[in-house]
Amino acid sequence: QVAGDVYILEGAGGNIGVLATDSGLLLVDD
């Protein structure tokens, strides 16, 4: 968790951003 509903996903490659709301998700990079 970065702040509130915003998260970072780390794996292999560029960092992914996720906005996780009750109305759905938004993904930054994959």
Full PDB file with SEQRES, HELIX, SHEET, SSBOND, CRYST1, ORIGX, SCALE, CONECT and MASTER records, all heavy atoms in Angstrom:
SEQRES   1 A   30  GLN VAL ALA GLY ASP VAL TYR ILE LEU GLU GLY ALA GLY          
SEQRES   2 A   30  GLY ASN ILE GLY VAL LEU ALA THR ASP SER GLY LEU LEU          
SEQRES   3 A   30  LEU VAL ASP ASP                                              
SHEET    1 AA1 3 VAL A   6  LEU A   9  0                                        
SHEET    2 AA1 3 ILE A  16  THR A  21 -1                                        
SHEET    3 AA1 3 GLY A  24  VAL A  28 -1                                        
CRYST1    1.000    1.000    1.000  90.00  90.00  90.00 P 1           1          
ORIGX1      1.000000  0.000000  0.000000        0.00000                         
ORIGX2      0.000000  1.000000  0.000000        0.00000                         
ORIGX3      0.000000  0.000000  1.000000        0.00000                         
SCALE1      1.000000  0.000000  0.000000        0.00000                         
SCALE2      0.000000  1.000000  0.000000        0.00000                         
SCALE3      0.000000  0.000000  1.000000        0.00000                         
ATOM      1  N   GLN A   1       0.832  -1.191   0.000  1.00  0.00           N  
ATOM      2  CA  GLN A   1       0.000   0.000   0.000  1.00  0.00           C  
ATOM      3  C   GLN A   1       0.872   1.249   0.000  1.00  0.00           C  
ATOM      4  O   GLN A   1       1.827   1.363   0.767  1.00  0.00           O  
ATOM      5  CB  GLN A   1      -0.905   0.008   1.225  1.00  0.00           C  
ATOM      6  CG  GLN A   1      -1.921   1.129   1.256  1.00  0.00           C  
ATOM      7  CD  GLN A   1      -2.820   1.064   2.486  1.00  0.00           C  
ATOM      8  OE1 GLN A   1      -2.376   0.701   3.573  1.00  0.00           O  
ATOM      9  NE2 GLN A   1      -4.082   1.405   2.324  1.00  0.00           N  
ATOM     10  N   VAL A   2       0.559   2.190  -0.881  1.00  0.00           N  
ATOM     11  CA  VAL A   2       1.273   3.459  -0.941  1.00  0.00           C  
ATOM     12  C   VAL A   2       0.513   4.523  -0.153  1.00  0.00           C  
ATOM     13  O   VAL A   2       1.074   5.208   0.703  1.00  0.00           O  
ATOM     14  CB  VAL A   2       1.471   3.911  -2.399  1.00  0.00           C  
ATOM     15  CG1 VAL A   2       2.196   5.265  -2.453  1.00  0.00           C  
ATOM     16  CG2 VAL A   2       2.256   2.862  -3.185  1.00  0.00           C  
ATOM     17  N   ALA A   3      -0.786   4.652  -0.450  1.00  0.00           N  
ATOM     18  CA  ALA A   3      -1.652   5.592   0.280  1.00  0.00           C  
ATOM     19  C   ALA A   3      -3.097   5.247  -0.041  1.00  0.00           C  
ATOM     20  O   ALA A   3      -3.481   5.191  -1.208  1.00  0.00           O  
ATOM     21  CB  ALA A   3      -1.357   7.027  -0.119  1.00  0.00           C  
ATOM     22  N   GLY A   4      -3.898   5.001   0.986  1.00  0.00           N  
ATOM     23  CA  GLY A   4      -5.313   4.726   0.778  1.00  0.00           C  
ATOM     24  C   GLY A   4      -5.544   3.578  -0.181  1.00  0.00           C  
ATOM     25  O   GLY A   4      -5.109   2.448   0.058  1.00  0.00           O  
ATOM     26  N   ASP A   5      -6.210   3.859  -1.308  1.00  0.00           N  
ATOM     27  CA  ASP A   5      -6.545   2.835  -2.288  1.00  0.00           C  
ATOM     28  C   ASP A   5      -5.475   2.636  -3.353  1.00  0.00           C  
ATOM     29  O   ASP A   5      -5.691   1.886  -4.308  1.00  0.00           O  
ATOM     30  CB  ASP A   5      -7.862   3.208  -2.993  1.00  0.00           C  
ATOM     31  CG  ASP A   5      -9.051   3.236  -2.046  1.00  0.00           C  
ATOM     32  OD1 ASP A   5      -9.024   2.507  -1.038  1.00  0.00           O  
ATOM     33  OD2 ASP A   5      -9.998   4.006  -2.316  1.00  0.00           O  
ATOM     34  N   VAL A   6      -4.338   3.301  -3.218  1.00  0.00           N  
ATOM     35  CA  VAL A   6      -3.274   3.204  -4.220  1.00  0.00           C  
ATOM     36  C   VAL A   6      -2.187   2.258  -3.719  1.00  0.00           C  
ATOM     37  O   VAL A   6      -1.684   2.398  -2.597  1.00  0.00           O  
ATOM     38  CB  VAL A   6      -2.668   4.582  -4.538  1.00  0.00           C  
ATOM     39  CG1 VAL A   6      -1.547   4.445  -5.568  1.00  0.00           C  
ATOM     40  CG2 VAL A   6      -3.743   5.527  -5.060  1.00  0.00           C  
ATOM     41  N   TYR A   7      -1.804   1.315  -4.594  1.00  0.00           N  
ATOM     42  CA  TYR A   7      -0.820   0.290  -4.256  1.00  0.00           C  
ATOM     43  C   TYR A   7       0.254   0.228  -5.338  1.00  0.00           C  
ATOM     44  O   TYR A   7       0.040   0.634  -6.479  1.00  0.00           O  
ATOM     45  CB  TYR A   7      -1.495  -1.085  -4.156  1.00  0.00           C  
ATOM     46  CG  TYR A   7      -2.460  -1.220  -3.002  1.00  0.00           C  
ATOM     47  CD1 TYR A   7      -3.725  -0.645  -3.059  1.00  0.00           C  
ATOM     48  CD2 TYR A   7      -2.101  -1.914  -1.849  1.00  0.00           C  
ATOM     49  CE1 TYR A   7      -4.614  -0.749  -2.001  1.00  0.00           C  
ATOM     50  CE2 TYR A   7      -2.982  -2.030  -0.786  1.00  0.00           C  
ATOM     51  CZ  TYR A   7      -4.233  -1.447  -0.863  1.00  0.00           C  
ATOM     52  OH  TYR A   7      -5.110  -1.561   0.191  1.00  0.00           O  
ATOM     53  N   ILE A   8       1.406  -0.328  -4.958  1.00  0.00           N  
ATOM     54  CA  ILE A   8       2.456  -0.650  -5.909  1.00  0.00           C  
ATOM     55  C   ILE A   8       2.590  -2.162  -5.968  1.00  0.00           C  
ATOM     56  O   ILE A   8       2.538  -2.845  -4.931  1.00  0.00           O  
ATOM     57  CB  ILE A   8       3.806   0.005  -5.518  1.00  0.00           C  
ATOM     58  CG1 ILE A   8       4.902  -0.342  -6.534  1.00  0.00           C  
ATOM     59  CG2 ILE A   8       4.232  -0.376  -4.114  1.00  0.00           C  
ATOM     60  CD1 ILE A   8       6.227   0.374  -6.275  1.00  0.00           C  
ATOM     61  N   LEU A   9       2.716  -2.697  -7.173  1.00  0.00           N  
ATOM     62  CA  LEU A   9       3.003  -4.112  -7.379  1.00  0.00           C  
ATOM     63  C   LEU A   9       4.413  -4.218  -7.936  1.00  0.00           C  
ATOM     64  O   LEU A   9       4.748  -3.578  -8.936  1.00  0.00           O  
ATOM     65  CB  LEU A   9       2.019  -4.752  -8.358  1.00  0.00           C  
ATOM     66  CG  LEU A   9       0.530  -4.721  -8.014  1.00  0.00           C  
ATOM     67  CD1 LEU A   9      -0.261  -5.491  -9.070  1.00  0.00           C  
ATOM     68  CD2 LEU A   9       0.264  -5.296  -6.638  1.00  0.00           C  
ATOM     69  N   GLU A  10       5.240  -5.045  -7.295  1.00  0.00           N  
ATOM     70  CA  GLU A  10       6.614  -5.258  -7.745  1.00  0.00           C  
ATOM     71  C   GLU A  10       6.792  -6.716  -8.131  1.00  0.00           C  
ATOM     72  O   GLU A  10       6.334  -7.610  -7.423  1.00  0.00           O  
ATOM     73  CB  GLU A  10       7.593  -4.879  -6.639  1.00  0.00           C  
ATOM     74  CG  GLU A  10       7.527  -3.405  -6.260  1.00  0.00           C  
ATOM     75  CD  GLU A  10       8.340  -3.082  -5.017  1.00  0.00           C  
ATOM     76  OE1 GLU A  10       7.784  -3.227  -3.904  1.00  0.00           O  
ATOM     77  OE2 GLU A  10       9.514  -2.724  -5.169  1.00  0.00           O  
ATOM     78  N   GLY A  11       7.450  -6.933  -9.254  1.00  0.00           N  
ATOM     79  CA  GLY A  11       7.699  -8.289  -9.732  1.00  0.00           C  
ATOM     80  C   GLY A  11       8.966  -8.321 -10.540  1.00  0.00           C  
ATOM     81  O   GLY A  11      10.066  -8.277 -10.007  1.00  0.00           O  
ATOM     82  N   ALA A  12       8.837  -8.378 -11.865  1.00  0.00           N  
ATOM     83  CA  ALA A  12       9.977  -8.295 -12.777  1.00  0.00           C  
ATOM     84  C   ALA A  12       9.651  -7.241 -13.817  1.00  0.00           C  
ATOM     85  O   ALA A  12       8.640  -7.324 -14.500  1.00  0.00           O  
ATOM     86  CB  ALA A  12      10.236  -9.641 -13.445  1.00  0.00           C  
ATOM     87  N   GLY A  13      10.503  -6.237 -13.929  1.00  0.00           N  
ATOM     88  CA  GLY A  13      10.213  -5.138 -14.842  1.00  0.00           C  
ATOM     89  C   GLY A  13       9.763  -3.910 -14.095  1.00  0.00           C  
ATOM     90  O   GLY A  13      10.017  -3.751 -12.900  1.00  0.00           O  
ATOM     91  N   GLY A  14       9.078  -3.018 -14.812  1.00  0.00           N  
ATOM     92  CA  GLY A  14       8.691  -1.743 -14.223  1.00  0.00           C  
ATOM     93  C   GLY A  14       7.657  -1.870 -13.124  1.00  0.00           C  
ATOM     94  O   GLY A  14       6.829  -2.783 -13.119  1.00  0.00           O  
ATOM     95  N   ASN A  15       7.712  -0.934 -12.186  1.00  0.00           N  
ATOM     96  CA  ASN A  15       6.741  -0.916 -11.091  1.00  0.00           C  
ATOM     97  C   ASN A  15       5.329  -0.675 -11.614  1.00  0.00           C  
ATOM     98  O   ASN A  15       5.110   0.172 -12.476  1.00  0.00           O  
ATOM     99  CB  ASN A  15       7.088   0.187 -10.090  1.00  0.00           C  
ATOM    100  CG  ASN A  15       8.322  -0.136  -9.275  1.00  0.00           C  
ATOM    101  OD1 ASN A  15       8.620  -1.293  -9.000  1.00  0.00           O  
ATOM    102  ND2 ASN A  15       9.050   0.901  -8.875  1.00  0.00           N  
ATOM    103  N   ILE A  16       4.383  -1.405 -11.058  1.00  0.00           N  
ATOM    104  CA  ILE A  16       2.974  -1.296 -11.418  1.00  0.00           C  
ATOM    105  C   ILE A  16       2.249  -0.480 -10.357  1.00  0.00           C  
ATOM    106  O   ILE A  16       2.492  -0.651  -9.160  1.00  0.00           O  
ATOM    107  CB  ILE A  16       2.337  -2.695 -11.521  1.00  0.00           C  
ATOM    108  CG1 ILE A  16       2.943  -3.468 -12.688  1.00  0.00           C  
ATOM    109  CG2 ILE A  16       0.818  -2.606 -11.666  1.00  0.00           C  
ATOM    110  CD1 ILE A  16       2.517  -4.927 -12.727  1.00  0.00           C  
ATOM    111  N   GLY A  17       1.358   0.385 -10.791  1.00  0.00           N  
ATOM    112  CA  GLY A  17       0.480   1.096  -9.872  1.00  0.00           C  
ATOM    113  C   GLY A  17      -0.929   0.544  -9.973  1.00  0.00           C  
ATOM    114  O   GLY A  17      -1.382   0.182 -11.063  1.00  0.00           O  
ATOM    115  N   VAL A  18      -1.617   0.469  -8.849  1.00  0.00           N  
ATOM    116  CA  VAL A  18      -3.005  -0.013  -8.824  1.00  0.00           C  
ATOM    117  C   VAL A  18      -3.842   0.936  -7.986  1.00  0.00           C  
ATOM    118  O   VAL A  18      -3.461   1.286  -6.862  1.00  0.00           O  
ATOM    119  CB  VAL A  18      -3.110  -1.437  -8.230  1.00  0.00           C  
ATOM    120  CG1 VAL A  18      -4.579  -1.850  -8.108  1.00  0.00           C  
ATOM    121  CG2 VAL A  18      -2.356  -2.441  -9.090  1.00  0.00           C  
ATOM    122  N   LEU A  19      -4.969   1.369  -8.558  1.00  0.00           N  
ATOM    123  CA  LEU A  19      -6.001   2.057  -7.788  1.00  0.00           C  
ATOM    124  C   LEU A  19      -7.122   1.056  -7.577  1.00  0.00           C  
ATOM    125  O   LEU A  19      -7.702   0.551  -8.543  1.00  0.00           O  
ATOM    126  CB  LEU A  19      -6.513   3.282  -8.524  1.00  0.00           C  
ATOM    127  CG  LEU A  19      -7.698   4.005  -7.871  1.00  0.00           C  
ATOM    128  CD1 LEU A  19      -7.290   4.645  -6.543  1.00  0.00           C  
ATOM    129  CD2 LEU A  19      -8.288   5.057  -8.820  1.00  0.00           C  
ATOM    130  N   ALA A  20      -7.419   0.740  -6.321  1.00  0.00           N  
ATOM    131  CA  ALA A  20      -8.417  -0.282  -5.998  1.00  0.00           C  
ATOM    132  C   ALA A  20      -9.595   0.366  -5.285  1.00  0.00           C  
ATOM    133  O   ALA A  20      -9.523   0.684  -4.094  1.00  0.00           O  
ATOM    134  CB  ALA A  20      -7.788  -1.362  -5.111  1.00  0.00           C  
ATOM    135  N   THR A  21     -10.701   0.571  -6.021  1.00  0.00           N  
ATOM    136  CA  THR A  21     -11.880   1.213  -5.453  1.00  0.00           C  
ATOM    137  C   THR A  21     -13.064   0.246  -5.444  1.00  0.00           C  
ATOM    138  O   THR A  21     -13.024  -0.812  -6.088  1.00  0.00           O  
ATOM    139  CB  THR A  21     -12.277   2.462  -6.266  1.00  0.00           C  
ATOM    140  OG1 THR A  21     -12.955   2.046  -7.464  1.00  0.00           O  
ATOM    141  CG2 THR A  21     -11.065   3.295  -6.638  1.00  0.00           C  
ATOM    142  N   ASP A  22     -14.119   0.635  -4.761  1.00  0.00           N  
ATOM    143  CA  ASP A  22     -15.334  -0.184  -4.742  1.00  0.00           C  
ATOM    144  C   ASP A  22     -16.043  -0.178  -6.094  1.00  0.00           C  
ATOM    145  O   ASP A  22     -16.919  -1.005  -6.341  1.00  0.00           O  
ATOM    146  CB  ASP A  22     -16.292   0.331  -3.659  1.00  0.00           C  
ATOM    147  CG  ASP A  22     -15.760   0.082  -2.256  1.00  0.00           C  
ATOM    148  OD1 ASP A  22     -14.952  -0.857  -2.087  1.00  0.00           O  
ATOM    149  OD2 ASP A  22     -16.145   0.833  -1.344  1.00  0.00           O  
ATOM    150  N   SER A  23     -15.646   0.748  -6.981  1.00  0.00           N  
ATOM    151  CA  SER A  23     -16.244   0.830  -8.313  1.00  0.00           C  
ATOM    152  C   SER A  23     -15.397   0.166  -9.383  1.00  0.00           C  
ATOM    153  O   SER A  23     -15.767   0.166 -10.557  1.00  0.00           O  
ATOM    154  CB  SER A  23     -16.470   2.297  -8.693  1.00  0.00           C  
ATOM    155  OG  SER A  23     -17.340   2.924  -7.777  1.00  0.00           O  
ATOM    156  N   GLY A  24     -14.257  -0.384  -8.974  1.00  0.00           N  
ATOM    157  CA  GLY A  24     -13.399  -1.056  -9.933  1.00  0.00           C  
ATOM    158  C   GLY A  24     -11.935  -0.692  -9.744  1.00  0.00           C  
ATOM    159  O   GLY A  24     -11.572   0.106  -8.870  1.00  0.00           O  
ATOM    160  N   LEU A  25     -11.086  -1.282 -10.599  1.00  0.00           N  
ATOM    161  CA  LEU A  25      -9.637  -1.150 -10.483  1.00  0.00           C  
ATOM    162  C   LEU A  25      -9.065  -0.415 -11.690  1.00  0.00           C  
ATOM    163  O   LEU A  25      -9.584  -0.506 -12.807  1.00  0.00           O  
ATOM    164  CB  LEU A  25      -8.978  -2.531 -10.396  1.00  0.00           C  
ATOM    165  CG  LEU A  25      -9.525  -3.505  -9.353  1.00  0.00           C  
ATOM    166  CD1 LEU A  25      -8.818  -4.846  -9.474  1.00  0.00           C  
ATOM    167  CD2 LEU A  25      -9.374  -2.946  -7.946  1.00  0.00           C  
ATOM    168  N   LEU A  26      -7.967   0.298 -11.459  1.00  0.00           N  
ATOM    169  CA  LEU A  26      -7.189   0.913 -12.521  1.00  0.00           C  
ATOM    170  C   LEU A  26      -5.755   0.441 -12.388  1.00  0.00           C  
ATOM    171  O   LEU A  26      -5.192   0.435 -11.289  1.00  0.00           O  
ATOM    172  CB  LEU A  26      -7.270   2.427 -12.463  1.00  0.00           C  
ATOM    173  CG  LEU A  26      -6.493   3.197 -13.542  1.00  0.00           C  
ATOM    174  CD1 LEU A  26      -7.264   4.443 -13.980  1.00  0.00           C  
ATOM    175  CD2 LEU A  26      -5.095   3.613 -13.057  1.00  0.00           C  
ATOM    176  N   LEU A  27      -5.155   0.064 -13.515  1.00  0.00           N  
ATOM    177  CA  LEU A  27      -3.807  -0.500 -13.542  1.00  0.00           C  
ATOM    178  C   LEU A  27      -2.885   0.434 -14.312  1.00  0.00           C  
ATOM    179  O   LEU A  27      -3.217   0.867 -15.418  1.00  0.00           O  
ATOM    180  CB  LEU A  27      -3.857  -1.869 -14.231  1.00  0.00           C  
ATOM    181  CG  LEU A  27      -2.570  -2.696 -14.349  1.00  0.00           C  
ATOM    182  CD1 LEU A  27      -2.124  -3.178 -12.970  1.00  0.00           C  
ATOM    183  CD2 LEU A  27      -2.799  -3.880 -15.284  1.00  0.00           C  
ATOM    184  N   VAL A  28      -1.727   0.746 -13.736  1.00  0.00           N  
ATOM    185  CA  VAL A  28      -0.712   1.545 -14.421  1.00  0.00           C  
ATOM    186  C   VAL A  28       0.481   0.645 -14.733  1.00  0.00           C  
ATOM    187  O   VAL A  28       1.192   0.209 -13.826  1.00  0.00           O  
ATOM    188  CB  VAL A  28      -0.250   2.742 -13.567  1.00  0.00           C  
ATOM    189  CG1 VAL A  28       0.794   3.563 -14.333  1.00  0.00           C  
ATOM    190  CG2 VAL A  28      -1.425   3.609 -13.167  1.00  0.00           C  
ATOM    191  N   ASP A  29       0.660   0.351 -16.021  1.00  0.00           N  
ATOM    192  CA  ASP A  29       1.706  -0.537 -16.533  1.00  0.00           C  
ATOM    193  C   ASP A  29       1.441  -1.991 -16.131  1.00  0.00           C  
ATOM    194  O   ASP A  29       0.714  -2.261 -15.162  1.00  0.00           O  
ATOM    195  CB  ASP A  29       3.099  -0.081 -16.129  1.00  0.00           C  
ATOM    196  CG  ASP A  29       3.507   1.218 -16.838  1.00  0.00           C  
ATOM    197  OD1 ASP A  29       2.899   1.539 -17.867  1.00  0.00           O  
ATOM    198  OD2 ASP A  29       4.437   1.884 -16.354  1.00  0.00           O  
ATOM    199  N   ASP A  30       2.032  -2.925 -16.901  1.00  0.00           N  
ATOM    200  CA  ASP A  30       1.653  -4.336 -16.675  1.00  0.00           C  
ATOM    201  C   ASP A  30       2.774  -5.343 -16.913  1.00  0.00           C  
ATOM    202  O   ASP A  30       2.529  -6.514 -17.185  1.00  0.00           O  
ATOM    203  CB  ASP A  30       0.412  -4.696 -17.514  1.00  0.00           C  
ATOM    204  CG  ASP A  30       0.550  -4.348 -18.990  1.00  0.00           C  
ATOM    205  OD1 ASP A  30       1.655  -4.488 -19.539  1.00  0.00           O  
ATOM    206  OD2 ASP A  30      -0.454  -3.938 -19.604  1.00  0.00           O  
TER     207      ASP A  30                                                      
MASTER        0    0    0    0    3    0    0    6  206    1    0    3          
END                                                                             
